[in-house]
PDB file of N, CA and C in Angstrom:
ATOM      1  N   MET A   1      84.348 125.004 101.712  1.00  0.00           N
ATOM      2  CA  MET A   1      85.604 124.769 101.019  1.00  0.00           C
ATOM      3  C   MET A   1      85.403 123.633 100.025  1.00  0.00           C
ATOM      4  N   ALA A   2      85.968 123.780  98.871  1.00  0.00           N
ATOM      5  CA  ALA A   2      85.857 122.771  97.812  1.00  0.00           C
ATOM      6  C   ALA A   2      86.655 121.521  98.172  1.00  0.00           C
ATOM      7  N   LYS A   3      86.211 120.408  97.623  1.00  0.00           N
ATOM      8  CA  LYS A   3      86.946 119.146  97.761  1.00  0.00           C
ATOM      9  C   LYS A   3      87.961 119.092  96.622  1.00  0.00           C
ATOM     10  N   VAL A   4      89.247 118.960  96.984  1.00  0.00           N
ATOM     11  CA  VAL A   4      90.318 118.935  95.994  1.00  0.00           C
ATOM     12  C   VAL A   4      90.986 117.569  96.039  1.00  0.00           C
ATOM     13  N   GLU A   5      91.101 116.953  94.871  1.00  0.00           N
ATOM     14  CA  GLU A   5      91.737 115.641  94.758  1.00  0.00           C
ATOM     15  C   GLU A   5      92.826 115.705  93.697  1.00  0.00           C
ATOM     16  N   LEU A   6      93.957 115.083  93.996  1.00  0.00           N
ATOM     17  CA  LEU A   6      95.058 115.002  93.049  1.00  0.00           C
ATOM     18  C   LEU A   6      95.445 113.549  92.859  1.00  0.00           C
ATOM     19  N   TYR A   7      95.753 113.198  91.629  1.00  0.00           N
ATOM     20  CA  TYR A   7      96.379 111.923  91.305  1.00  0.00           C
ATOM     21  C   TYR A   7      97.801 112.282  90.896  1.00  0.00           C
ATOM     22  N   THR A   8      98.789 111.710  91.576  1.00  0.00           N
ATOM     23  CA  THR A   8     100.180 112.102  91.389  1.00  0.00           C
ATOM     24  C   THR A   8     101.088 110.876  91.399  1.00  0.00           C
ATOM     25  N   THR A   9     102.384 111.137  91.185  1.00  0.00           N
ATOM     26  CA  THR A   9     103.437 110.169  91.464  1.00  0.00           C
ATOM     27  C   THR A   9     104.470 110.888  92.320  1.00  0.00           C
ATOM     28  N   GLY A  10     105.310 110.117  92.983  1.00  0.00           N
ATOM     29  CA  GLY A  10     106.320 110.704  93.860  1.00  0.00           C
ATOM     30  C   GLY A  10     107.460 111.381  93.127  1.00  0.00           C
ATOM     31  N   TRP A  11     107.655 111.069  91.859  1.00  0.00           N
ATOM     32  CA  TRP A  11     108.808 111.582  91.121  1.00  0.00           C
ATOM     33  C   TRP A  11     108.458 112.695  90.130  1.00  0.00           C
ATOM     34  N   CYS A  12     107.219 113.087  90.057  1.00  0.00           N
ATOM     35  CA  CYS A  12     106.757 114.046  89.046  1.00  0.00           C
ATOM     36  C   CYS A  12     106.942 115.493  89.522  1.00  0.00           C
ATOM     37  N   PRO A  13     107.775 116.284  88.809  1.00  0.00           N
ATOM     38  CA  PRO A  13     107.973 117.675  89.225  1.00  0.00           C
ATOM     39  C   PRO A  13     106.716 118.536  89.070  1.00  0.00           C
ATOM     40  N   PHE A  14     105.861 118.204  88.111  1.00  0.00           N
ATOM     41  CA  PHE A  14     104.618 118.966  87.943  1.00  0.00           C
ATOM     42  C   PHE A  14     103.664 118.684  89.107  1.00  0.00           C
ATOM     43  N   CYS A  15     103.698 117.466  89.618  1.00  0.00           N
ATOM     44  CA  CYS A  15     102.889 117.122  90.793  1.00  0.00           C
ATOM     45  C   CYS A  15     103.348 117.948  91.995  1.00  0.00           C
ATOM     46  N   VAL A  16     104.656 118.045  92.154  1.00  0.00           N
ATOM     47  CA  VAL A  16     105.220 118.829  93.254  1.00  0.00           C
ATOM     48  C   VAL A  16     104.778 120.287  93.134  1.00  0.00           C
ATOM     49  N   ARG A  17     104.854 120.849  91.942  1.00  0.00           N
ATOM     50  CA  ARG A  17     104.455 122.254  91.741  1.00  0.00           C
ATOM     51  C   ARG A  17     102.980 122.475  92.044  1.00  0.00           C
ATOM     52  N   ALA A  18     102.130 121.537  91.614  1.00  0.00           N
ATOM     53  CA  ALA A  18     100.693 121.676  91.887  1.00  0.00           C
ATOM     54  C   ALA A  18     100.443 121.654  93.389  1.00  0.00           C
ATOM     55  N   LYS A  19     101.096 120.734  94.089  1.00  0.00           N
ATOM     56  CA  LYS A  19     100.915 120.658  95.550  1.00  0.00           C
ATOM     57  C   LYS A  19     101.474 121.898  96.243  1.00  0.00           C
ATOM     58  N   GLN A  20     102.580 122.443  95.714  1.00  0.00           N
ATOM     59  CA  GLN A  20     103.140 123.665  96.302  1.00  0.00           C
ATOM     60  C   GLN A  20     102.149 124.818  96.214  1.00  0.00           C
ATOM     61  N   LEU A  21     101.486 124.953  95.075  1.00  0.00           N
ATOM     62  CA  LEU A  21     100.499 126.028  94.926  1.00  0.00           C
ATOM     63  C   LEU A  21      99.352 125.847  95.914  1.00  0.00           C
ATOM     64  N   LEU A  22      98.832 124.644  95.997  1.00  0.00           N
ATOM     65  CA  LEU A  22      97.721 124.393  96.932  1.00  0.00           C
ATOM     66  C   LEU A  22      98.168 124.606  98.378  1.00  0.00           C
ATOM     67  N   ASN A  23      99.359 124.138  98.717  1.00  0.00           N
ATOM     68  CA  ASN A  23      99.871 124.341 100.076  1.00  0.00           C
ATOM     69  C   ASN A  23     100.068 125.823 100.382  1.00  0.00           C
ATOM     70  N   SER A  24     100.531 126.595  99.402  1.00  0.00           N
ATOM     71  CA  SER A  24     100.758 128.024  99.632  1.00  0.00           C
ATOM     72  C   SER A  24      99.443 128.757  99.895  1.00  0.00           C
ATOM     73  N   LYS A  25      98.338 128.195  99.416  1.00  0.00           N
ATOM     74  CA  LYS A  25      97.016 128.774  99.637  1.00  0.00           C
ATOM     75  C   LYS A  25      96.296 128.120 100.811  1.00  0.00           C
ATOM     76  N   ASN A  26      96.992 127.226 101.523  1.00  0.00           N
ATOM     77  CA  ASN A  26      96.414 126.509 102.666  1.00  0.00           C
ATOM     78  C   ASN A  26      95.158 125.729 102.278  1.00  0.00           C
ATOM     79  N   ILE A  27      95.213 125.099 101.119  1.00  0.00           N
ATOM     80  CA  ILE A  27      94.086 124.310 100.627  1.00  0.00           C
ATOM     81  C   ILE A  27      94.336 122.841 100.942  1.00  0.00           C
ATOM     82  N   PRO A  28      93.458 122.215 101.717  1.00  0.00           N
ATOM     83  CA  PRO A  28      93.616 120.774 101.952  1.00  0.00           C
ATOM     84  C   PRO A  28      93.232 119.986 100.697  1.00  0.00           C
ATOM     85  N   TYR A  29      93.906 118.880 100.495  1.00  0.00           N
ATOM     86  CA  TYR A  29      93.631 118.053  99.326  1.00  0.00           C
ATOM     87  C   TYR A  29      93.886 116.594  99.645  1.00  0.00           C
ATOM     88  N   HIS A  30      93.269 115.747  98.856  1.00  0.00           N
ATOM     89  CA  HIS A  30      93.502 114.304  98.950  1.00  0.00           C
ATOM     90  C   HIS A  30      94.439 113.936  97.805  1.00  0.00           C
ATOM     91  N   ASP A  31      95.556 113.301  98.138  1.00  0.00           N
ATOM     92  CA  ASP A  31      96.578 112.957  97.157  1.00  0.00           C
ATOM     93  C   ASP A  31      96.619 111.442  96.985  1.00  0.00           C
ATOM     94  N   THR A  32      96.371 110.964  95.782  1.00  0.00           N
ATOM     95  CA  THR A  32      96.474 109.545  95.475  1.00  0.00           C
ATOM     96  C   THR A  32      97.695 109.337  94.592  1.00  0.00           C
ATOM     97  N   ASP A  33      98.664 108.592  95.100  1.00  0.00           N
ATOM     98  CA  ASP A  33      99.884 108.273  94.358  1.00  0.00           C
ATOM     99  C   ASP A  33      99.602 107.048  93.497  1.00  0.00           C
ATOM    100  N   VAL A  34      99.534 107.229  92.193  1.00  0.00           N
ATOM    101  CA  VAL A  34      99.167 106.129  91.302  1.00  0.00           C
ATOM    102  C   VAL A  34     100.298 105.126  91.112  1.00  0.00           C
ATOM    103  N   ASP A  35     101.512 105.451  91.543  1.00  0.00           N
ATOM    104  CA  ASP A  35     102.580 104.445  91.550  1.00  0.00           C
ATOM    105  C   ASP A  35     102.401 103.489  92.728  1.00  0.00           C
ATOM    106  N   ARG A  36     101.992 104.015  93.858  1.00  0.00           N
ATOM    107  CA  ARG A  36     101.760 103.181  95.051  1.00  0.00           C
ATOM    108  C   ARG A  36     100.423 102.462  95.003  1.00  0.00           C
ATOM    109  N   GLU A  37      99.466 103.047  94.283  1.00  0.00           N
ATOM    110  CA  GLU A  37      98.132 102.458  94.133  1.00  0.00           C
ATOM    111  C   GLU A  37      97.817 102.361  92.636  1.00  0.00           C
ATOM    112  N   PRO A  38      98.458 101.399  91.938  1.00  0.00           N
ATOM    113  CA  PRO A  38      98.338 101.341  90.477  1.00  0.00           C
ATOM    114  C   PRO A  38      96.910 101.189  89.962  1.00  0.00           C
ATOM    115  N   ASP A  39      96.047 100.562  90.724  1.00  0.00           N
ATOM    116  CA  ASP A  39      94.651 100.422  90.292  1.00  0.00           C
ATOM    117  C   ASP A  39      93.952 101.777  90.199  1.00  0.00           C
ATOM    118  N   GLN A  40      94.476 102.771  90.894  1.00  0.00           N
ATOM    119  CA  GLN A  40      93.869 104.099  90.872  1.00  0.00           C
ATOM    120  C   GLN A  40      94.155 104.864  89.579  1.00  0.00           C
ATOM    121  N   ARG A  41      95.171 104.435  88.821  1.00  0.00           N
ATOM    122  CA  ARG A  41      95.441 105.093  87.536  1.00  0.00           C
ATOM    123  C   ARG A  41      94.248 104.909  86.590  1.00  0.00           C
ATOM    124  N   ALA A  42      93.664 103.721  86.594  1.00  0.00           N
ATOM    125  CA  ALA A  42      92.486 103.481  85.746  1.00  0.00           C
ATOM    126  C   ALA A  42      91.315 104.346  86.199  1.00  0.00           C
ATOM    127  N   VAL A  43      91.161 104.507  87.497  1.00  0.00           N
ATOM    128  CA  VAL A  43      90.097 105.375  88.027  1.00  0.00           C
ATOM    129  C   VAL A  43      90.344 106.811  87.576  1.00  0.00           C
ATOM    130  N   MET A  44      91.592 107.258  87.691  1.00  0.00           N
ATOM    131  CA  MET A  44      91.971 108.612  87.271  1.00  0.00           C
ATOM    132  C   MET A  44      91.660 108.816  85.797  1.00  0.00           C
ATOM    133  N   MET A  45      92.032 107.846  84.960  1.00  0.00           N
ATOM    134  CA  MET A  45      91.813 107.969  83.520  1.00  0.00           C
ATOM    135  C   MET A  45      90.326 107.997  83.183  1.00  0.00           C
ATOM    136  N   GLN A  46      89.548 107.209  83.893  1.00  0.00           N
ATOM    137  CA  GLN A  46      88.105 107.202  83.659  1.00  0.00           C
ATOM    138  C   GLN A  46      87.495 108.540  84.067  1.00  0.00           C
ATOM    139  N   ARG A  47      87.947 109.084  85.181  1.00  0.00           N
ATOM    140  CA  ARG A  47      87.386 110.347  85.672  1.00  0.00           C
ATOM    141  C   ARG A  47      87.767 111.535  84.807  1.00  0.00           C
ATOM    142  N   GLY A  48      89.050 111.605  84.430  1.00  0.00           N
ATOM    143  CA  GLY A  48      89.530 112.808  83.754  1.00  0.00           C
ATOM    144  C   GLY A  48      89.871 112.636  82.290  1.00  0.00           C
ATOM    145  N   GLY A  49      89.942 111.395  81.832  1.00  0.00           N
ATOM    146  CA  GLY A  49      90.223 111.154  80.435  1.00  0.00           C
ATOM    147  C   GLY A  49      91.683 111.264  80.032  1.00  0.00           C
ATOM    148  N   ALA A  50      92.577 111.417  80.994  1.00  0.00           N
ATOM    149  CA  ALA A  50      94.006 111.537  80.687  1.00  0.00           C
ATOM    150  C   ALA A  50      94.797 110.539  81.520  1.00  0.00           C
ATOM    151  N   ARG A  51      95.971 110.174  81.008  1.00  0.00           N
ATOM    152  CA  ARG A  51      96.789 109.214  81.739  1.00  0.00           C
ATOM    153  C   ARG A  51      98.013 109.861  82.396  1.00  0.00           C
ATOM    154  N   THR A  52      98.250 111.140  82.098  1.00  0.00           N
ATOM    155  CA  THR A  52      99.403 111.828  82.679  1.00  0.00           C
ATOM    156  C   THR A  52      99.055 112.384  84.053  1.00  0.00           C
ATOM    157  N   VAL A  53     100.087 112.576  84.866  1.00  0.00           N
ATOM    158  CA  VAL A  53      99.913 113.171  86.191  1.00  0.00           C
ATOM    159  C   VAL A  53     100.607 114.521  86.219  1.00  0.00           C
ATOM    160  N   PRO A  54     100.151 115.412  87.069  1.00  0.00           N
ATOM    161  CA  PRO A  54      99.008 115.245  87.959  1.00  0.00           C
ATOM    162  C   PRO A  54      97.688 115.401  87.210  1.00  0.00           C
ATOM    163  N   GLN A  55      96.689 114.802  87.765  1.00  0.00           N
ATOM    164  CA  GLN A  55      95.307 115.062  87.362  1.00  0.00           C
ATOM    165  C   GLN A  55      94.629 115.649  88.589  1.00  0.00           C
ATOM    166  N   ILE A  56      93.990 116.784  88.408  1.00  0.00           N
ATOM    167  CA  ILE A  56      93.444 117.549  89.531  1.00  0.00           C
ATOM    168  C   ILE A  56      91.937 117.684  89.347  1.00  0.00           C
ATOM    169  N   PHE A  57      91.229 117.469  90.445  1.00  0.00           N
ATOM    170  CA  PHE A  57      89.770 117.580  90.454  1.00  0.00           C
ATOM    171  C   PHE A  57      89.367 118.517  91.583  1.00  0.00           C
ATOM    172  N   ILE A  58      88.493 119.447  91.278  1.00  0.00           N
ATOM    173  CA  ILE A  58      87.928 120.337  92.290  1.00  0.00           C
ATOM    174  C   ILE A  58      86.432 120.101  92.295  1.00  0.00           C
ATOM    175  N   ASP A  59      85.924 119.650  93.431  1.00  0.00           N
ATOM    176  CA  ASP A  59      84.510 119.269  93.553  1.00  0.00           C
ATOM    177  C   ASP A  59      84.101 118.321  92.422  1.00  0.00           C
ATOM    178  N   ASP A  60      84.930 117.319  92.187  1.00  0.00           N
ATOM    179  CA  ASP A  60      84.713 116.274  91.172  1.00  0.00           C
ATOM    180  C   ASP A  60      84.788 116.783  89.734  1.00  0.00           C
ATOM    181  N   ARG A  61      85.111 118.038  89.536  1.00  0.00           N
ATOM    182  CA  ARG A  61      85.269 118.607  88.187  1.00  0.00           C
ATOM    183  C   ARG A  61      86.725 118.436  87.758  1.00  0.00           C
ATOM    184  N   PRO A  62      86.973 117.799  86.608  1.00  0.00           N
ATOM    185  CA  PRO A  62      88.361 117.668  86.155  1.00  0.00           C
ATOM    186  C   PRO A  62      88.924 119.021  85.727  1.00  0.00           C
ATOM    187  N   ILE A  63      90.014 119.402  86.363  1.00  0.00           N
ATOM    188  CA  ILE A  63      90.671 120.678  86.082  1.00  0.00           C
ATOM    189  C   ILE A  63      91.760 120.488  85.036  1.00  0.00           C
ATOM    190  N   GLY A  64      92.388 119.323  85.043  1.00  0.00           N
ATOM    191  CA  GLY A  64      93.529 119.052  84.172  1.00  0.00           C
ATOM    192  C   GLY A  64      94.755 118.828  85.027  1.00  0.00           C
ATOM    193  N   GLY A  65      95.876 119.336  84.556  1.00  0.00           N
ATOM    194  CA  GLY A  65      97.137 119.143  85.251  1.00  0.00           C
ATOM    195  C   GLY A  65      97.659 120.420  85.873  1.00  0.00           C
ATOM    196  N   CYS A  66      98.949 120.433  86.108  1.00  0.00           N
ATOM    197  CA  CYS A  66      99.614 121.556  86.759  1.00  0.00           C
ATOM    198  C   CYS A  66      99.462 122.846  85.957  1.00  0.00           C
ATOM    199  N   ASP A  67      99.665 122.766  84.640  1.00  0.00           N
ATOM    200  CA  ASP A  67      99.565 123.973  83.813  1.00  0.00           C
ATOM    201  C   ASP A  67      98.179 124.598  83.904  1.00  0.00           C
ATOM    202  N   GLU A  68      97.162 123.769  83.882  1.00  0.00           N
ATOM    203  CA  GLU A  68      95.790 124.281  83.964  1.00  0.00           C
ATOM    204  C   GLU A  68      95.507 124.886  85.336  1.00  0.00           C
ATOM    205  N   LEU A  69      96.055 124.272  86.385  1.00  0.00           N
ATOM    206  CA  LEU A  69      95.880 124.808  87.741  1.00  0.00           C
ATOM    207  C   LEU A  69      96.506 126.198  87.845  1.00  0.00           C
ATOM    208  N   TYR A  70      97.732 126.339  87.343  1.00  0.00           N
ATOM    209  CA  TYR A  70      98.403 127.638  87.392  1.00  0.00           C
ATOM    210  C   TYR A  70      97.717 128.660  86.473  1.00  0.00           C
ATOM    211  N   ALA A  71      97.156 128.207  85.357  1.00  0.00           N
ATOM    212  CA  ALA A  71      96.421 129.125  84.474  1.00  0.00           C
ATOM    213  C   ALA A  71      95.194 129.675  85.193  1.00  0.00           C
ATOM    214  N   LEU A  72      94.505 128.829  85.946  1.00  0.00           N
ATOM    215  CA  LEU A  72      93.362 129.302  86.736  1.00  0.00           C
ATOM    216  C   LEU A  72      93.807 130.330  87.765  1.00  0.00           C
ATOM    217  N   GLU A  73      94.963 130.085  88.378  1.00  0.00           N
ATOM    218  CA  GLU A  73      95.503 131.025  89.363  1.00  0.00           C
ATOM    219  C   GLU A  73      95.829 132.362  88.701  1.00  0.00           C
ATOM    220  N   ARG A  74      96.506 132.326  87.562  1.00  0.00           N
ATOM    221  CA  ARG A  74      96.869 133.573  86.863  1.00  0.00           C
ATOM    222  C   ARG A  74      95.635 134.351  86.418  1.00  0.00           C
ATOM    223  N   ALA A  75      94.584 133.637  86.045  1.00  0.00           N
ATOM    224  CA  ALA A  75      93.349 134.293  85.583  1.00  0.00           C
ATOM    225  C   ALA A  75      92.497 134.789  86.748  1.00  0.00           C
ATOM    226  N   GLY A  76      92.913 134.491  87.974  1.00  0.00           N
ATOM    227  CA  GLY A  76      92.157 134.925  89.143  1.00  0.00           C
ATOM    228  C   GLY A  76      90.911 134.094  89.392  1.00  0.00           C
ATOM    229  N   GLU A  77      90.841 132.902  88.804  1.00  0.00           N
ATOM    230  CA  GLU A  77      89.651 132.056  88.931  1.00  0.00           C
ATOM    231  C   GLU A  77      89.798 130.937  89.957  1.00  0.00           C
ATOM    232  N   LEU A  78      91.027 130.635  90.365  1.00  0.00           N
ATOM    233  CA  LEU A  78      91.242 129.490  91.243  1.00  0.00           C
ATOM    234  C   LEU A  78      90.590 129.674  92.607  1.00  0.00           C
ATOM    235  N   ASP A  79      90.748 130.833  93.210  1.00  0.00           N
ATOM    236  CA  ASP A  79      90.188 131.053  94.543  1.00  0.00           C
ATOM    237  C   ASP A  79      88.674 130.868  94.566  1.00  0.00           C
ATOM    238  N   SER A  80      87.998 131.348  93.544  1.00  0.00           N
ATOM    239  CA  SER A  80      86.544 131.181  93.538  1.00  0.00           C
ATOM    240  C   SER A  80      86.154 129.719  93.351  1.00  0.00           C
ATOM    241  N   LEU A  81      86.908 128.971  92.546  1.00  0.00           N
ATOM    242  CA  LEU A  81      86.640 127.532  92.404  1.00  0.00           C
ATOM    243  C   LEU A  81      86.860 126.798  93.722  1.00  0.00           C
ATOM    244  N   LEU A  82      87.865 127.235  94.452  1.00  0.00           N
ATOM    245  CA  LEU A  82      88.217 126.579  95.709  1.00  0.00           C
ATOM    246  C   LEU A  82      87.318 127.029  96.850  1.00  0.00           C
ATOM    247  N   GLY A  83      86.678 128.173  96.699  1.00  0.00           N
ATOM    248  CA  GLY A  83      85.910 128.719  97.803  1.00  0.00           C
ATOM    249  C   GLY A  83      86.825 128.973  98.985  1.00  0.00           C
ATOM    250  N   ALA A  84      88.016 129.481  98.685  1.00  0.00           N
ATOM    251  CA  ALA A  84      89.110 129.468  99.637  1.00  0.00           C
ATOM    252  C   ALA A  84      89.491 130.829 100.152  1.00  0.00           C
ATOM    253  N   ASN A  85      90.148 130.791 101.189  1.00  0.00           N
ATOM    254  CA  ASN A  85      90.949 131.796 101.867  1.00  0.00           C
ATOM    255  C   ASN A  85      91.375 131.247 103.211  1.00  0.00           C
ATOM    256  N   SER A  86      90.814 130.091 103.566  1.00  0.00           N
ATOM    257  CA  SER A  86      91.217 129.489 104.829  1.00  0.00           C
ATOM    258  C   SER A  86      91.300 128.001 104.633  1.00  0.00           C
ATOM    259  N   GLY A  87      91.830 127.337 105.640  1.00  0.00           N
ATOM    260  CA  GLY A  87      91.971 125.892 105.585  1.00  0.00           C
ATOM    261  C   GLY A  87      93.329 125.491 106.044  1.00  0.00           C
ATOM    262  N   GLU A  88      93.570 124.197 106.081  1.00  0.00           N
ATOM    263  CA  GLU A  88      94.857 123.672 106.476  1.00  0.00           C
ATOM    264  C   GLU A  88      95.454 122.945 105.291  1.00  0.00           C
ATOM    265  N   SER A  89      96.734 123.157 105.056  1.00  0.00           N
ATOM    266  CA  SER A  89      97.358 122.455 103.953  1.00  0.00           C
ATOM    267  C   SER A  89      97.628 121.018 104.350  1.00  0.00           C
ATOM    268  N   GLY A  90      97.745 120.177 103.344  1.00  0.00           N
ATOM    269  CA  GLY A  90      98.095 118.805 103.647  1.00  0.00           C
ATOM    270  C   GLY A  90      97.548 117.843 102.648  1.00  0.00           C
ATOM    271  N   THR A  91      97.752 116.582 102.968  1.00  0.00           N
ATOM    272  CA  THR A  91      97.351 115.501 102.097  1.00  0.00           C
ATOM    273  C   THR A  91      96.498 114.531 102.886  1.00  0.00           C
ATOM    274  N   LYS A  92      95.942 113.573 102.179  1.00  0.00           N
ATOM    275  CA  LYS A  92      95.164 112.482 102.775  1.00  0.00           C
ATOM    276  C   LYS A  92      94.809 112.744 104.204  1.00  0.00           C
TER     277      LYS A  92
END
């Protein structure tokens, strides 16, 4: 199973949508709230080159945000990136 990491905030509707998609596929992920851990925003920006949330990484590869995650799903590419069909949903 791929390692999935998200950088999010608690108030972002796009963050919620990204997590809903991953949860619906039973994909475990690590969620870093950059409002609660402000130093992590700089890490997120260095890793992915963007300052907006969510920022999503699959096996350390920057995927982008919610729109890019859903585009991968629509194209039928997300499952192969995730190496998924099983797992437990959740965070940290």
